[in-house]
Amino acid sequence: NPQEKNIEIIDKYDDQGQSLGTKVIIKI
């Protein structure tokens, strides 16, 4: 599946909308 998305980037936030960091998911 060459068109499939292999990298997903998730921005993490708390209840007040403040950033808690970043999570990157890589499918190998």
mmCIF file of all heavy atoms, coordinates in Angstrom:
data_MODEL
# 
_entry.id   MODEL 
# 
loop_
_atom_site.group_PDB 
_atom_site.id 
_atom_site.type_symbol 
_atom_site.label_atom_id 
_atom_site.label_alt_id 
_atom_site.label_comp_id 
_atom_site.label_asym_id 
_atom_site.label_entity_id 
_atom_site.label_seq_id 
_atom_site.pdbx_PDB_ins_code 
_atom_site.Cartn_x 
_atom_site.Cartn_y 
_atom_site.Cartn_z 
_atom_site.occupancy 
_atom_site.B_iso_or_equiv 
_atom_site.pdbx_formal_charge 
_atom_site.auth_seq_id 
_atom_site.auth_comp_id 
_atom_site.auth_asym_id 
_atom_site.auth_atom_id 
_atom_site.pdbx_PDB_model_num 
ATOM 1   N N   . ASN A 1 1  ? 0.852  -1.201 0.000  1.00 0.00 ? 1  ASN A N   1 
ATOM 2   C CA  . ASN A 1 1  ? 0.000  0.000  0.000  1.00 0.00 ? 1  ASN A CA  1 
ATOM 3   C C   . ASN A 1 1  ? 0.883  1.244  0.000  1.00 0.00 ? 1  ASN A C   1 
ATOM 4   O O   . ASN A 1 1  ? 1.045  1.906  1.036  1.00 0.00 ? 1  ASN A O   1 
ATOM 5   C CB  . ASN A 1 1  ? -0.925 0.006  1.231  1.00 0.00 ? 1  ASN A CB  1 
ATOM 6   C CG  . ASN A 1 1  ? -1.839 -1.198 1.270  1.00 0.00 ? 1  ASN A CG  1 
ATOM 7   O OD1 . ASN A 1 1  ? -2.697 -1.356 0.413  1.00 0.00 ? 1  ASN A OD1 1 
ATOM 8   N ND2 . ASN A 1 1  ? -1.649 -2.050 2.271  1.00 0.00 ? 1  ASN A ND2 1 
ATOM 9   N N   . PRO A 1 2  ? 1.471  1.557  -1.166 1.00 0.00 ? 2  PRO A N   1 
ATOM 10  C CA  . PRO A 1 2  ? 2.421  2.685  -1.214 1.00 0.00 ? 2  PRO A CA  1 
ATOM 11  C C   . PRO A 1 2  ? 1.780  4.033  -0.891 1.00 0.00 ? 2  PRO A C   1 
ATOM 12  O O   . PRO A 1 2  ? 2.480  4.967  -0.520 1.00 0.00 ? 2  PRO A O   1 
ATOM 13  C CB  . PRO A 1 2  ? 2.930  2.633  -2.662 1.00 0.00 ? 2  PRO A CB  1 
ATOM 14  C CG  . PRO A 1 2  ? 1.891  1.887  -3.420 1.00 0.00 ? 2  PRO A CG  1 
ATOM 15  C CD  . PRO A 1 2  ? 1.297  0.918  -2.466 1.00 0.00 ? 2  PRO A CD  1 
ATOM 16  N N   . GLN A 1 3  ? 0.437  4.129  -1.047 1.00 0.00 ? 3  GLN A N   1 
ATOM 17  C CA  . GLN A 1 3  ? -0.228 5.399  -0.771 1.00 0.00 ? 3  GLN A CA  1 
ATOM 18  C C   . GLN A 1 3  ? -0.643 5.532  0.704  1.00 0.00 ? 3  GLN A C   1 
ATOM 19  O O   . GLN A 1 3  ? -1.124 6.590  1.119  1.00 0.00 ? 3  GLN A O   1 
ATOM 20  C CB  . GLN A 1 3  ? -1.464 5.536  -1.673 1.00 0.00 ? 3  GLN A CB  1 
ATOM 21  C CG  . GLN A 1 3  ? -1.164 5.438  -3.163 1.00 0.00 ? 3  GLN A CG  1 
ATOM 22  C CD  . GLN A 1 3  ? -0.166 6.481  -3.617 1.00 0.00 ? 3  GLN A CD  1 
ATOM 23  O OE1 . GLN A 1 3  ? -0.195 7.623  -3.160 1.00 0.00 ? 3  GLN A OE1 1 
ATOM 24  N NE2 . GLN A 1 3  ? 0.733  6.080  -4.510 1.00 0.00 ? 3  GLN A NE2 1 
ATOM 25  N N   . GLU A 1 4  ? -0.490 4.467  1.462  1.00 0.00 ? 4  GLU A N   1 
ATOM 26  C CA  . GLU A 1 4  ? -0.904 4.496  2.864  1.00 0.00 ? 4  GLU A CA  1 
ATOM 27  C C   . GLU A 1 4  ? -0.007 5.432  3.675  1.00 0.00 ? 4  GLU A C   1 
ATOM 28  O O   . GLU A 1 4  ? 1.201  5.513  3.453  1.00 0.00 ? 4  GLU A O   1 
ATOM 29  C CB  . GLU A 1 4  ? -0.841 3.079  3.448  1.00 0.00 ? 4  GLU A CB  1 
ATOM 30  C CG  . GLU A 1 4  ? -1.357 2.999  4.870  1.00 0.00 ? 4  GLU A CG  1 
ATOM 31  C CD  . GLU A 1 4  ? -1.288 1.587  5.423  1.00 0.00 ? 4  GLU A CD  1 
ATOM 32  O OE1 . GLU A 1 4  ? -0.861 0.684  4.687  1.00 0.00 ? 4  GLU A OE1 1 
ATOM 33  O OE2 . GLU A 1 4  ? -1.651 1.390  6.598  1.00 0.00 ? 4  GLU A OE2 1 
ATOM 34  N N   . LYS A 1 5  ? -0.605 6.106  4.615  1.00 0.00 ? 5  LYS A N   1 
ATOM 35  C CA  . LYS A 1 5  ? 0.134  7.038  5.458  1.00 0.00 ? 5  LYS A CA  1 
ATOM 36  C C   . LYS A 1 5  ? 0.919  6.255  6.504  1.00 0.00 ? 5  LYS A C   1 
ATOM 37  O O   . LYS A 1 5  ? 0.354  5.507  7.308  1.00 0.00 ? 5  LYS A O   1 
ATOM 38  C CB  . LYS A 1 5  ? -0.834 8.005  6.138  1.00 0.00 ? 5  LYS A CB  1 
ATOM 39  C CG  . LYS A 1 5  ? -0.150 9.164  6.829  1.00 0.00 ? 5  LYS A CG  1 
ATOM 40  C CD  . LYS A 1 5  ? -1.188 10.145 7.356  1.00 0.00 ? 5  LYS A CD  1 
ATOM 41  C CE  . LYS A 1 5  ? -0.518 11.335 8.031  1.00 0.00 ? 5  LYS A CE  1 
ATOM 42  N NZ  . LYS A 1 5  ? -1.511 12.300 8.562  1.00 0.00 ? 5  LYS A NZ  1 
ATOM 43  N N   . ASN A 1 6  ? 2.237  6.431  6.500  1.00 0.00 ? 6  ASN A N   1 
ATOM 44  C CA  . ASN A 1 6  ? 3.102  5.660  7.402  1.00 0.00 ? 6  ASN A CA  1 
ATOM 45  C C   . ASN A 1 6  ? 3.526  6.449  8.640  1.00 0.00 ? 6  ASN A C   1 
ATOM 46  O O   . ASN A 1 6  ? 4.076  5.883  9.572  1.00 0.00 ? 6  ASN A O   1 
ATOM 47  C CB  . ASN A 1 6  ? 4.361  5.200  6.660  1.00 0.00 ? 6  ASN A CB  1 
ATOM 48  C CG  . ASN A 1 6  ? 4.038  4.273  5.504  1.00 0.00 ? 6  ASN A CG  1 
ATOM 49  O OD1 . ASN A 1 6  ? 3.433  3.238  5.690  1.00 0.00 ? 6  ASN A OD1 1 
ATOM 50  N ND2 . ASN A 1 6  ? 4.433  4.660  4.295  1.00 0.00 ? 6  ASN A ND2 1 
ATOM 51  N N   . ILE A 1 7  ? 3.318  7.761  8.606  1.00 0.00 ? 7  ILE A N   1 
ATOM 52  C CA  . ILE A 1 7  ? 3.735  8.617  9.726  1.00 0.00 ? 7  ILE A CA  1 
ATOM 53  C C   . ILE A 1 7  ? 2.540  9.433  10.197 1.00 0.00 ? 7  ILE A C   1 
ATOM 54  O O   . ILE A 1 7  ? 1.866  10.088 9.407  1.00 0.00 ? 7  ILE A O   1 
ATOM 55  C CB  . ILE A 1 7  ? 4.883  9.563  9.312  1.00 0.00 ? 7  ILE A CB  1 
ATOM 56  C CG1 . ILE A 1 7  ? 6.092  8.754  8.826  1.00 0.00 ? 7  ILE A CG1 1 
ATOM 57  C CG2 . ILE A 1 7  ? 5.285  10.473 10.481 1.00 0.00 ? 7  ILE A CG2 1 
ATOM 58  C CD1 . ILE A 1 7  ? 7.191  9.615  8.245  1.00 0.00 ? 7  ILE A CD1 1 
ATOM 59  N N   . GLU A 1 8  ? 2.271  9.377  11.490 1.00 0.00 ? 8  GLU A N   1 
ATOM 60  C CA  . GLU A 1 8  ? 1.189  10.164 12.085 1.00 0.00 ? 8  GLU A CA  1 
ATOM 61  C C   . GLU A 1 8  ? 1.758  11.007 13.220 1.00 0.00 ? 8  GLU A C   1 
ATOM 62  O O   . GLU A 1 8  ? 2.449  10.493 14.098 1.00 0.00 ? 8  GLU A O   1 
ATOM 63  C CB  . GLU A 1 8  ? 0.093  9.234  12.606 1.00 0.00 ? 8  GLU A CB  1 
ATOM 64  C CG  . GLU A 1 8  ? -1.083 9.981  13.201 1.00 0.00 ? 8  GLU A CG  1 
ATOM 65  C CD  . GLU A 1 8  ? -2.143 9.047  13.758 1.00 0.00 ? 8  GLU A CD  1 
ATOM 66  O OE1 . GLU A 1 8  ? -1.915 7.809  13.705 1.00 0.00 ? 8  GLU A OE1 1 
ATOM 67  O OE2 . GLU A 1 8  ? -3.175 9.540  14.263 1.00 0.00 ? 8  GLU A OE2 1 
ATOM 68  N N   . ILE A 1 9  ? 1.485  12.297 13.203 1.00 0.00 ? 9  ILE A N   1 
ATOM 69  C CA  . ILE A 1 9  ? 1.969  13.220 14.228 1.00 0.00 ? 9  ILE A CA  1 
ATOM 70  C C   . ILE A 1 9  ? 0.773  13.730 15.031 1.00 0.00 ? 9  ILE A C   1 
ATOM 71  O O   . ILE A 1 9  ? -0.174 14.288 14.468 1.00 0.00 ? 9  ILE A O   1 
ATOM 72  C CB  . ILE A 1 9  ? 2.741  14.405 13.606 1.00 0.00 ? 9  ILE A CB  1 
ATOM 73  C CG1 . ILE A 1 9  ? 3.925  13.863 12.784 1.00 0.00 ? 9  ILE A CG1 1 
ATOM 74  C CG2 . ILE A 1 9  ? 3.226  15.365 14.694 1.00 0.00 ? 9  ILE A CG2 1 
ATOM 75  C CD1 . ILE A 1 9  ? 4.703  14.946 12.074 1.00 0.00 ? 9  ILE A CD1 1 
ATOM 76  N N   . ILE A 1 10 ? 0.813  13.532 16.344 1.00 0.00 ? 10 ILE A N   1 
ATOM 77  C CA  . ILE A 1 10 ? -0.295 13.908 17.233 1.00 0.00 ? 10 ILE A CA  1 
ATOM 78  C C   . ILE A 1 10 ? 0.187  15.005 18.185 1.00 0.00 ? 10 ILE A C   1 
ATOM 79  O O   . ILE A 1 10 ? 1.188  14.831 18.904 1.00 0.00 ? 10 ILE A O   1 
ATOM 80  C CB  . ILE A 1 10 ? -0.796 12.691 18.035 1.00 0.00 ? 10 ILE A CB  1 
ATOM 81  C CG1 . ILE A 1 10 ? -1.261 11.578 17.075 1.00 0.00 ? 10 ILE A CG1 1 
ATOM 82  C CG2 . ILE A 1 10 ? -1.920 13.093 18.990 1.00 0.00 ? 10 ILE A CG2 1 
ATOM 83  C CD1 . ILE A 1 10 ? -1.594 10.281 17.774 1.00 0.00 ? 10 ILE A CD1 1 
ATOM 84  N N   . ASP A 1 11 ? -0.521 16.119 18.191 1.00 0.00 ? 11 ASP A N   1 
ATOM 85  C CA  . ASP A 1 11 ? -0.234 17.204 19.141 1.00 0.00 ? 11 ASP A CA  1 
ATOM 86  C C   . ASP A 1 11 ? -1.062 16.976 20.409 1.00 0.00 ? 11 ASP A C   1 
ATOM 87  O O   . ASP A 1 11 ? -2.296 16.854 20.343 1.00 0.00 ? 11 ASP A O   1 
ATOM 88  C CB  . ASP A 1 11 ? -0.586 18.559 18.528 1.00 0.00 ? 11 ASP A CB  1 
ATOM 89  C CG  . ASP A 1 11 ? 0.278  18.871 17.314 1.00 0.00 ? 11 ASP A CG  1 
ATOM 90  O OD1 . ASP A 1 11 ? 1.503  18.819 17.446 1.00 0.00 ? 11 ASP A OD1 1 
ATOM 91  O OD2 . ASP A 1 11 ? -0.287 19.164 16.233 1.00 0.00 ? 11 ASP A OD2 1 
ATOM 92  N N   . LYS A 1 12 ? -0.380 16.957 21.560 1.00 0.00 ? 12 LYS A N   1 
ATOM 93  C CA  . LYS A 1 12 ? -1.050 16.667 22.831 1.00 0.00 ? 12 LYS A CA  1 
ATOM 94  C C   . LYS A 1 12 ? -1.374 17.982 23.570 1.00 0.00 ? 12 LYS A C   1 
ATOM 95  O O   . LYS A 1 12 ? -0.536 18.884 23.621 1.00 0.00 ? 12 LYS A O   1 
ATOM 96  C CB  . LYS A 1 12 ? -0.165 15.781 23.722 1.00 0.00 ? 12 LYS A CB  1 
ATOM 97  C CG  . LYS A 1 12 ? 0.210  14.449 23.067 1.00 0.00 ? 12 LYS A CG  1 
ATOM 98  C CD  . LYS A 1 12 ? 0.999  13.576 24.033 1.00 0.00 ? 12 LYS A CD  1 
ATOM 99  C CE  . LYS A 1 12 ? 2.337  14.216 24.404 1.00 0.00 ? 12 LYS A CE  1 
ATOM 100 N NZ  . LYS A 1 12 ? 3.109  13.369 25.347 1.00 0.00 ? 12 LYS A NZ  1 
ATOM 101 N N   . TYR A 1 13 ? -2.594 18.054 24.137 1.00 0.00 ? 13 TYR A N   1 
ATOM 102 C CA  . TYR A 1 13 ? -3.028 19.243 24.867 1.00 0.00 ? 13 TYR A CA  1 
ATOM 103 C C   . TYR A 1 13 ? -3.739 18.816 26.155 1.00 0.00 ? 13 TYR A C   1 
ATOM 104 O O   . TYR A 1 13 ? -4.333 17.734 26.229 1.00 0.00 ? 13 TYR A O   1 
ATOM 105 C CB  . TYR A 1 13 ? -3.993 20.087 24.023 1.00 0.00 ? 13 TYR A CB  1 
ATOM 106 C CG  . TYR A 1 13 ? -3.365 20.646 22.761 1.00 0.00 ? 13 TYR A CG  1 
ATOM 107 C CD1 . TYR A 1 13 ? -3.539 20.003 21.539 1.00 0.00 ? 13 TYR A CD1 1 
ATOM 108 C CD2 . TYR A 1 13 ? -2.614 21.819 22.799 1.00 0.00 ? 13 TYR A CD2 1 
ATOM 109 C CE1 . TYR A 1 13 ? -2.979 20.509 20.379 1.00 0.00 ? 13 TYR A CE1 1 
ATOM 110 C CE2 . TYR A 1 13 ? -2.045 22.339 21.639 1.00 0.00 ? 13 TYR A CE2 1 
ATOM 111 C CZ  . TYR A 1 13 ? -2.232 21.683 20.436 1.00 0.00 ? 13 TYR A CZ  1 
ATOM 112 O OH  . TYR A 1 13 ? -1.660 22.180 19.285 1.00 0.00 ? 13 TYR A OH  1 
ATOM 113 N N   . ASP A 1 14 ? -3.692 19.737 27.168 1.00 0.00 ? 14 ASP A N   1 
ATOM 114 C CA  . ASP A 1 14 ? -4.450 19.484 28.396 1.00 0.00 ? 14 ASP A CA  1 
ATOM 115 C C   . ASP A 1 14 ? -5.839 20.093 28.264 1.00 0.00 ? 14 ASP A C   1 
ATOM 116 O O   . ASP A 1 14 ? -6.217 20.593 27.197 1.00 0.00 ? 14 ASP A O   1 
ATOM 117 C CB  . ASP A 1 14 ? -3.706 20.033 29.622 1.00 0.00 ? 14 ASP A CB  1 
ATOM 118 C CG  . ASP A 1 14 ? -3.500 21.545 29.526 1.00 0.00 ? 14 ASP A CG  1 
ATOM 119 O OD1 . ASP A 1 14 ? -4.173 22.194 28.671 1.00 0.00 ? 14 ASP A OD1 1 
ATOM 120 O OD2 . ASP A 1 14 ? -2.662 22.066 30.283 1.00 0.00 ? 14 ASP A OD2 1 
ATOM 121 N N   . ASP A 1 15 ? -6.594 20.080 29.377 1.00 0.00 ? 15 ASP A N   1 
ATOM 122 C CA  . ASP A 1 15 ? -7.980 20.564 29.327 1.00 0.00 ? 15 ASP A CA  1 
ATOM 123 C C   . ASP A 1 15 ? -8.047 22.054 29.057 1.00 0.00 ? 15 ASP A C   1 
ATOM 124 O O   . ASP A 1 15 ? -9.049 22.565 28.531 1.00 0.00 ? 15 ASP A O   1 
ATOM 125 C CB  . ASP A 1 15 ? -8.690 20.248 30.653 1.00 0.00 ? 15 ASP A CB  1 
ATOM 126 C CG  . ASP A 1 15 ? -8.835 18.746 30.861 1.00 0.00 ? 15 ASP A CG  1 
ATOM 127 O OD1 . ASP A 1 15 ? -8.793 18.014 29.847 1.00 0.00 ? 15 ASP A OD1 1 
ATOM 128 O OD2 . ASP A 1 15 ? -8.980 18.310 32.027 1.00 0.00 ? 15 ASP A OD2 1 
ATOM 129 N N   . GLN A 1 16 ? -6.993 22.790 29.396 1.00 0.00 ? 16 GLN A N   1 
ATOM 130 C CA  . GLN A 1 16 ? -6.977 24.233 29.171 1.00 0.00 ? 16 GLN A CA  1 
ATOM 131 C C   . GLN A 1 16 ? -6.410 24.590 27.793 1.00 0.00 ? 16 GLN A C   1 
ATOM 132 O O   . GLN A 1 16 ? -6.223 25.770 27.478 1.00 0.00 ? 16 GLN A O   1 
ATOM 133 C CB  . GLN A 1 16 ? -6.160 24.947 30.264 1.00 0.00 ? 16 GLN A CB  1 
ATOM 134 C CG  . GLN A 1 16 ? -6.837 25.003 31.614 1.00 0.00 ? 16 GLN A CG  1 
ATOM 135 C CD  . GLN A 1 16 ? -6.829 23.673 32.325 1.00 0.00 ? 16 GLN A CD  1 
ATOM 136 O OE1 . GLN A 1 16 ? -5.846 22.924 32.253 1.00 0.00 ? 16 GLN A OE1 1 
ATOM 137 N NE2 . GLN A 1 16 ? -7.929 23.363 33.016 1.00 0.00 ? 16 GLN A NE2 1 
ATOM 138 N N   . GLY A 1 17 ? -6.092 23.587 27.000 1.00 0.00 ? 17 GLY A N   1 
ATOM 139 C CA  . GLY A 1 17 ? -5.568 23.848 25.673 1.00 0.00 ? 17 GLY A CA  1 
ATOM 140 C C   . GLY A 1 17 ? -4.082 24.120 25.637 1.00 0.00 ? 17 GLY A C   1 
ATOM 141 O O   . GLY A 1 17 ? -3.537 24.546 24.610 1.00 0.00 ? 17 GLY A O   1 
ATOM 142 N N   . GLN A 1 18 ? -3.401 23.845 26.753 1.00 0.00 ? 18 GLN A N   1 
ATOM 143 C CA  . GLN A 1 18 ? -1.961 24.043 26.793 1.00 0.00 ? 18 GLN A CA  1 
ATOM 144 C C   . GLN A 1 18 ? -1.259 22.803 26.237 1.00 0.00 ? 18 GLN A C   1 
ATOM 145 O O   . GLN A 1 18 ? -1.690 21.674 26.465 1.00 0.00 ? 18 GLN A O   1 
ATOM 146 C CB  . GLN A 1 18 ? -1.499 24.292 28.244 1.00 0.00 ? 18 GLN A CB  1 
ATOM 147 C CG  . GLN A 1 18 ? -2.090 25.542 28.878 1.00 0.00 ? 18 GLN A CG  1 
ATOM 148 C CD  . GLN A 1 18 ? -1.629 26.800 28.165 1.00 0.00 ? 18 GLN A CD  1 
ATOM 149 O OE1 . GLN A 1 18 ? -0.449 26.933 27.806 1.00 0.00 ? 18 GLN A OE1 1 
ATOM 150 N NE2 . GLN A 1 18 ? -2.572 27.721 27.948 1.00 0.00 ? 18 GLN A NE2 1 
ATOM 151 N N   . SER A 1 19 ? -0.163 23.021 25.535 1.00 0.00 ? 19 SER A N   1 
ATOM 152 C CA  . SER A 1 19 ? 0.539  21.908 24.904 1.00 0.00 ? 19 SER A CA  1 
ATOM 153 C C   . SER A 1 19 ? 1.194  21.006 25.933 1.00 0.00 ? 19 SER A C   1 
ATOM 154 O O   . SER A 1 19 ? 1.831  21.480 26.884 1.00 0.00 ? 19 SER A O   1 
ATOM 155 C CB  . SER A 1 19 ? 1.591  22.448 23.929 1.00 0.00 ? 19 SER A CB  1 
ATOM 156 O OG  . SER A 1 19 ? 2.329  21.372 23.380 1.00 0.00 ? 19 SER A OG  1 
ATOM 157 N N   . LEU A 1 20 ? 1.027  19.690 25.716 1.00 0.00 ? 20 LEU A N   1 
ATOM 158 C CA  . LEU A 1 20 ? 1.692  18.690 26.565 1.00 0.00 ? 20 LEU A CA  1 
ATOM 159 C C   . LEU A 1 20 ? 2.801  17.963 25.805 1.00 0.00 ? 20 LEU A C   1 
ATOM 160 O O   . LEU A 1 20 ? 3.359  17.000 26.326 1.00 0.00 ? 20 LEU A O   1 
ATOM 161 C CB  . LEU A 1 20 ? 0.664  17.672 27.058 1.00 0.00 ? 20 LEU A CB  1 
ATOM 162 C CG  . LEU A 1 20 ? -0.438 18.212 27.980 1.00 0.00 ? 20 LEU A CG  1 
ATOM 163 C CD1 . LEU A 1 20 ? -1.412 17.105 28.348 1.00 0.00 ? 20 LEU A CD1 1 
ATOM 164 C CD2 . LEU A 1 20 ? 0.169  18.831 29.245 1.00 0.00 ? 20 LEU A CD2 1 
ATOM 165 N N   . GLY A 1 21 ? 3.085  18.423 24.615 1.00 0.00 ? 21 GLY A N   1 
ATOM 166 C CA  . GLY A 1 21 ? 4.145  17.783 23.829 1.00 0.00 ? 21 GLY A CA  1 
ATOM 167 C C   . GLY A 1 21 ? 3.618  17.195 22.524 1.00 0.00 ? 21 GLY A C   1 
ATOM 168 O O   . GLY A 1 21 ? 2.514  17.506 22.069 1.00 0.00 ? 21 GLY A O   1 
ATOM 169 N N   . THR A 1 22 ? 4.393  16.311 21.971 1.00 0.00 ? 22 THR A N   1 
ATOM 170 C CA  . THR A 1 22 ? 4.085  15.734 20.655 1.00 0.00 ? 22 THR A CA  1 
ATOM 171 C C   . THR A 1 22 ? 4.340  14.233 20.673 1.00 0.00 ? 22 THR A C   1 
ATOM 172 O O   . THR A 1 22 ? 5.300  13.761 21.291 1.00 0.00 ? 22 THR A O   1 
ATOM 173 C CB  . THR A 1 22 ? 4.947  16.390 19.561 1.00 0.00 ? 22 THR A CB  1 
ATOM 174 O OG1 . THR A 1 22 ? 4.788  17.804 19.626 1.00 0.00 ? 22 THR A OG1 1 
ATOM 175 C CG2 . THR A 1 22 ? 4.543  15.896 18.176 1.00 0.00 ? 22 THR A CG2 1 
ATOM 176 N N   . LYS A 1 23 ? 3.445  13.511 19.989 1.00 0.00 ? 23 LYS A N   1 
ATOM 177 C CA  . LYS A 1 23 ? 3.659  12.067 19.811 1.00 0.00 ? 23 LYS A CA  1 
ATOM 178 C C   . LYS A 1 23 ? 3.714  11.782 18.300 1.00 0.00 ? 23 LYS A C   1 
ATOM 179 O O   . LYS A 1 23 ? 2.830  12.189 17.545 1.00 0.00 ? 23 LYS A O   1 
ATOM 180 C CB  . LYS A 1 23 ? 2.529  11.257 20.435 1.00 0.00 ? 23 LYS A CB  1 
ATOM 181 C CG  . LYS A 1 23 ? 2.687  9.746  20.213 1.00 0.00 ? 23 LYS A CG  1 
ATOM 182 C CD  . LYS A 1 23 ? 1.497  8.959  20.708 1.00 0.00 ? 23 LYS A CD  1 
ATOM 183 C CE  . LYS A 1 23 ? 1.448  8.907  22.219 1.00 0.00 ? 23 LYS A CE  1 
ATOM 184 N NZ  . LYS A 1 23 ? 0.381  7.967  22.695 1.00 0.00 ? 23 LYS A NZ  1 
ATOM 185 N N   . VAL A 1 24 ? 4.762  11.082 17.890 1.00 0.00 ? 24 VAL A N   1 
ATOM 186 C CA  . VAL A 1 24 ? 4.920  10.674 16.494 1.00 0.00 ? 24 VAL A CA  1 
ATOM 187 C C   . VAL A 1 24 ? 4.791  9.154  16.422 1.00 0.00 ? 24 VAL A C   1 
ATOM 188 O O   . VAL A 1 24 ? 5.484  8.438  17.160 1.00 0.00 ? 24 VAL A O   1 
ATOM 189 C CB  . VAL A 1 24 ? 6.274  11.121 15.920 1.00 0.00 ? 24 VAL A CB  1 
ATOM 190 C CG1 . VAL A 1 24 ? 6.411  10.650 14.466 1.00 0.00 ? 24 VAL A CG1 1 
ATOM 191 C CG2 . VAL A 1 24 ? 6.420  12.630 15.998 1.00 0.00 ? 24 VAL A CG2 1 
ATOM 192 N N   . ILE A 1 25 ? 3.885  8.667  15.564 1.00 0.00 ? 25 ILE A N   1 
ATOM 193 C CA  . ILE A 1 25 ? 3.695  7.224  15.390 1.00 0.00 ? 25 ILE A CA  1 
ATOM 194 C C   . ILE A 1 25 ? 4.199  6.837  13.994 1.00 0.00 ? 25 ILE A C   1 
ATOM 195 O O   . ILE A 1 25 ? 3.705  7.357  12.984 1.00 0.00 ? 25 ILE A O   1 
ATOM 196 C CB  . ILE A 1 25 ? 2.214  6.831  15.546 1.00 0.00 ? 25 ILE A CB  1 
ATOM 197 C CG1 . ILE A 1 25 ? 1.693  7.244  16.930 1.00 0.00 ? 25 ILE A CG1 1 
ATOM 198 C CG2 . ILE A 1 25 ? 2.040  5.324  15.329 1.00 0.00 ? 25 ILE A CG2 1 
ATOM 199 C CD1 . ILE A 1 25 ? 0.208  6.986  17.122 1.00 0.00 ? 25 ILE A CD1 1 
ATOM 200 N N   . ILE A 1 26 ? 5.175  5.939  13.971 1.00 0.00 ? 26 ILE A N   1 
ATOM 201 C CA  . ILE A 1 26 ? 5.773  5.497  12.704 1.00 0.00 ? 26 ILE A CA  1 
ATOM 202 C C   . ILE A 1 26 ? 5.418  4.032  12.489 1.00 0.00 ? 26 ILE A C   1 
ATOM 203 O O   . ILE A 1 26 ? 5.685  3.188  13.352 1.00 0.00 ? 26 ILE A O   1 
ATOM 204 C CB  . ILE A 1 26 ? 7.306  5.653  12.715 1.00 0.00 ? 26 ILE A CB  1 
ATOM 205 C CG1 . ILE A 1 26 ? 7.685  7.088  13.067 1.00 0.00 ? 26 ILE A CG1 1 
ATOM 206 C CG2 . ILE A 1 26 ? 7.909  5.251  11.370 1.00 0.00 ? 26 ILE A CG2 1 
ATOM 207 C CD1 . ILE A 1 26 ? 9.165  7.266  13.320 1.00 0.00 ? 26 ILE A CD1 1 
ATOM 208 N N   . LYS A 1 27 ? 4.810  3.728  11.331 1.00 0.00 ? 27 LYS A N   1 
ATOM 209 C CA  . LYS A 1 27 ? 4.482  2.352  10.978 1.00 0.00 ? 27 LYS A CA  1 
ATOM 210 C C   . LYS A 1 27 ? 5.573  1.815  10.056 1.00 0.00 ? 27 LYS A C   1 
ATOM 211 O O   . LYS A 1 27 ? 5.734  2.294  8.931  1.00 0.00 ? 27 LYS A O   1 
ATOM 212 C CB  . LYS A 1 27 ? 3.121  2.280  10.292 1.00 0.00 ? 27 LYS A CB  1 
ATOM 213 C CG  . LYS A 1 27 ? 1.955  2.672  11.187 1.00 0.00 ? 27 LYS A CG  1 
ATOM 214 C CD  . LYS A 1 27 ? 0.632  2.574  10.421 1.00 0.00 ? 27 LYS A CD  1 
ATOM 215 C CE  . LYS A 1 27 ? -0.547 2.960  11.295 1.00 0.00 ? 27 LYS A CE  1 
ATOM 216 N NZ  . LYS A 1 27 ? -1.832 2.888  10.551 1.00 0.00 ? 27 LYS A NZ  1 
ATOM 217 N N   . ILE A 1 28 ? 6.296  0.817  10.546 1.00 0.00 ? 28 ILE A N   1 
ATOM 218 C CA  . ILE A 1 28 ? 7.390  0.232  9.767  1.00 0.00 ? 28 ILE A CA  1 
ATOM 219 C C   . ILE A 1 28 ? 6.923  -1.110 9.217  1.00 0.00 ? 28 ILE A C   1 
ATOM 220 O O   . ILE A 1 28 ? 6.797  -2.083 9.968  1.00 0.00 ? 28 ILE A O   1 
ATOM 221 C CB  . ILE A 1 28 ? 8.654  0.040  10.632 1.00 0.00 ? 28 ILE A CB  1 
ATOM 222 C CG1 . ILE A 1 28 ? 9.028  1.357  11.317 1.00 0.00 ? 28 ILE A CG1 1 
ATOM 223 C CG2 . ILE A 1 28 ? 9.808  -0.480 9.784  1.00 0.00 ? 28 ILE A CG2 1 
ATOM 224 C CD1 . ILE A 1 28 ? 10.160 1.221  12.319 1.00 0.00 ? 28 ILE A CD1 1 
# 
